[in-house]
Amino acid sequence: MNNQQHLRKKIDSQIKRIKKAEHDRPNLLSQTIYIGTLGLVMVLPVIGGVYLGRWLDSLLAGYSVRWTLSLLFTGVVIGTFNVYFLLKER
């Protein structure tokens, strides 16, 4: 009798785990939103760095892209770290 109860509890817990896994399975919309978020956290620092760099370069006399290139590179590094930490969190 004790073995049957133990077996029944084990089967019930496995059924609950299976139902929970089916319920928590990601769907197409949630995956699309997640990919879009990854793109935004990568692209926004790059665009922000380029705009800030162009503005700083316009304040200097003559033709210079020093700030633009350095802040572009900084934006790529920050965006890469953002994507890494977002993927690591999931």
C-alpha atoms as a PDB file:
ATOM      1  CA  MET A   1       0.000   0.000   0.000  1.00  0.00           C
ATOM      2  CA  ASN A   2       2.795   2.420   0.865  1.00  0.00           C
ATOM      3  CA  ASN A   3       4.583   1.747  -2.434  1.00  0.00           C
ATOM      4  CA  GLN A   4       1.398   2.511  -4.385  1.00  0.00           C
ATOM      5  CA  GLN A   5       0.953   5.850  -2.618  1.00  0.00           C
ATOM      6  CA  HIS A   6       4.587   6.740  -3.224  1.00  0.00           C
ATOM      7  CA  LEU A   7       4.249   5.827  -6.910  1.00  0.00           C
ATOM      8  CA  ARG A   8       1.013   7.826  -7.216  1.00  0.00           C
ATOM      9  CA  LYS A   9       2.650  10.922  -5.650  1.00  0.00           C
ATOM     10  CA  LYS A  10       5.622  10.614  -7.979  1.00  0.00           C
ATOM     11  CA  ILE A  11       3.392  10.323 -11.051  1.00  0.00           C
ATOM     12  CA  ASP A  12       1.256  13.277  -9.914  1.00  0.00           C
ATOM     13  CA  SER A  13       4.329  15.462  -9.440  1.00  0.00           C
ATOM     14  CA  GLN A  14       5.611  14.516 -12.911  1.00  0.00           C
ATOM     15  CA  ILE A  15       2.232  15.332 -14.455  1.00  0.00           C
ATOM     16  CA  LYS A  16       2.286  18.741 -12.756  1.00  0.00           C
ATOM     17  CA  ARG A  17       5.829  19.378 -14.071  1.00  0.00           C
ATOM     18  CA  ILE A  18       4.779  18.460 -17.620  1.00  0.00           C
ATOM     19  CA  LYS A  19       1.711  20.741 -17.489  1.00  0.00           C
ATOM     20  CA  LYS A  20       3.795  23.613 -16.090  1.00  0.00           C
ATOM     21  CA  ALA A  21       6.418  23.158 -18.857  1.00  0.00           C
ATOM     22  CA  GLU A  22       3.697  23.218 -21.523  1.00  0.00           C
ATOM     23  CA  HIS A  23       2.198  26.362 -20.013  1.00  0.00           C
ATOM     24  CA  ASP A  24       5.546  28.187 -19.721  1.00  0.00           C
ATOM     25  CA  ARG A  25       6.692  27.321 -23.247  1.00  0.00           C
ATOM     26  CA  PRO A  26       7.544  30.521 -25.153  1.00  0.00           C
ATOM     27  CA  ASN A  27       5.347  31.380 -28.115  1.00  0.00           C
ATOM     28  CA  LEU A  28       6.205  33.207 -31.335  1.00  0.00           C
ATOM     29  CA  LEU A  29       5.121  36.634 -30.081  1.00  0.00           C
ATOM     30  CA  SER A  30       7.223  36.493 -26.922  1.00  0.00           C
ATOM     31  CA  GLN A  31      10.261  35.294 -28.876  1.00  0.00           C
ATOM     32  CA  THR A  32       9.803  38.095 -31.419  1.00  0.00           C
ATOM     33  CA  ILE A  33       9.609  40.689 -28.647  1.00  0.00           C
ATOM     34  CA  TYR A  34      12.744  39.231 -27.042  1.00  0.00           C
ATOM     35  CA  ILE A  35      14.710  39.396 -30.325  1.00  0.00           C
ATOM     36  CA  GLY A  36      13.517  42.975 -30.838  1.00  0.00           C
ATOM     37  CA  THR A  37      14.692  43.897 -27.358  1.00  0.00           C
ATOM     38  CA  LEU A  38      18.098  42.379 -28.089  1.00  0.00           C
ATOM     39  CA  GLY A  39      18.336  44.504 -31.223  1.00  0.00           C
ATOM     40  CA  LEU A  40      17.393  47.673 -29.397  1.00  0.00           C
ATOM     41  CA  VAL A  41      19.866  47.213 -26.551  1.00  0.00           C
ATOM     42  CA  MET A  42      22.598  46.718 -29.156  1.00  0.00           C
ATOM     43  CA  VAL A  43      21.684  49.521 -31.571  1.00  0.00           C
ATOM     44  CA  LEU A  44      20.655  52.350 -29.219  1.00  0.00           C
ATOM     45  CA  PRO A  45      24.094  52.863 -27.591  1.00  0.00           C
ATOM     46  CA  VAL A  46      25.710  52.849 -31.039  1.00  0.00           C
ATOM     47  CA  ILE A  47      23.313  55.458 -32.442  1.00  0.00           C
ATOM     48  CA  GLY A  48      23.585  57.559 -29.286  1.00  0.00           C
ATOM     49  CA  GLY A  49      27.380  57.459 -29.485  1.00  0.00           C
ATOM     50  CA  VAL A  50      27.392  58.480 -33.143  1.00  0.00           C
ATOM     51  CA  TYR A  51      25.026  61.411 -32.587  1.00  0.00           C
ATOM     52  CA  LEU A  52      26.964  62.619 -29.561  1.00  0.00           C
ATOM     53  CA  GLY A  53      30.240  62.237 -31.446  1.00  0.00           C
ATOM     54  CA  ARG A  54      28.958  64.176 -34.469  1.00  0.00           C
ATOM     55  CA  TRP A  55      27.778  66.966 -32.190  1.00  0.00           C
ATOM     56  CA  LEU A  56      31.140  67.135 -30.420  1.00  0.00           C
ATOM     57  CA  ASP A  57      32.987  67.058 -33.759  1.00  0.00           C
ATOM     58  CA  SER A  58      30.839  69.928 -35.071  1.00  0.00           C
ATOM     59  CA  LEU A  59      32.047  72.073 -32.168  1.00  0.00           C
ATOM     60  CA  LEU A  60      35.671  71.658 -33.303  1.00  0.00           C
ATOM     61  CA  ALA A  61      37.174  73.740 -36.111  1.00  0.00           C
ATOM     62  CA  GLY A  62      37.892  71.901 -39.356  1.00  0.00           C
ATOM     63  CA  TYR A  63      36.936  68.417 -40.442  1.00  0.00           C
ATOM     64  CA  SER A  64      37.275  65.901 -37.633  1.00  0.00           C
ATOM     65  CA  VAL A  65      35.678  62.543 -36.914  1.00  0.00           C
ATOM     66  CA  ARG A  66      37.697  61.728 -33.817  1.00  0.00           C
ATOM     67  CA  TRP A  67      34.787  61.894 -31.376  1.00  0.00           C
ATOM     68  CA  THR A  68      32.408  60.178 -33.775  1.00  0.00           C
ATOM     69  CA  LEU A  69      34.654  57.156 -34.270  1.00  0.00           C
ATOM     70  CA  SER A  70      35.625  56.835 -30.618  1.00  0.00           C
ATOM     71  CA  LEU A  71      32.031  57.090 -29.396  1.00  0.00           C
ATOM     72  CA  LEU A  72      30.901  54.713 -32.158  1.00  0.00           C
ATOM     73  CA  PHE A  73      33.372  52.131 -30.868  1.00  0.00           C
ATOM     74  CA  THR A  74      32.296  52.828 -27.282  1.00  0.00           C
ATOM     75  CA  GLY A  75      28.641  52.351 -28.278  1.00  0.00           C
ATOM     76  CA  VAL A  76      29.445  48.994 -29.916  1.00  0.00           C
ATOM     77  CA  VAL A  77      31.241  47.821 -26.763  1.00  0.00           C
ATOM     78  CA  ILE A  78      28.415  48.965 -24.483  1.00  0.00           C
ATOM     79  CA  GLY A  79      25.794  47.390 -26.776  1.00  0.00           C
ATOM     80  CA  THR A  80      27.699  44.107 -26.815  1.00  0.00           C
ATOM     81  CA  PHE A  81      27.838  44.041 -23.021  1.00  0.00           C
ATOM     82  CA  ASN A  82      24.115  44.867 -22.877  1.00  0.00           C
ATOM     83  CA  VAL A  83      23.270  41.919 -25.135  1.00  0.00           C
ATOM     84  CA  TYR A  84      25.587  39.597 -23.194  1.00  0.00           C
ATOM     85  CA  PHE A  85      24.021  40.495 -19.842  1.00  0.00           C
ATOM     86  CA  LEU A  86      20.493  40.249 -21.236  1.00  0.00           C
ATOM     87  CA  LEU A  87      21.211  36.774 -22.639  1.00  0.00           C
ATOM     88  CA  LYS A  88      22.937  35.718 -19.431  1.00  0.00           C
ATOM     89  CA  GLU A  89      19.903  36.798 -17.396  1.00  0.00           C
ATOM     90  CA  ARG A  90      17.578  34.574 -19.396  1.00  0.00           C
END
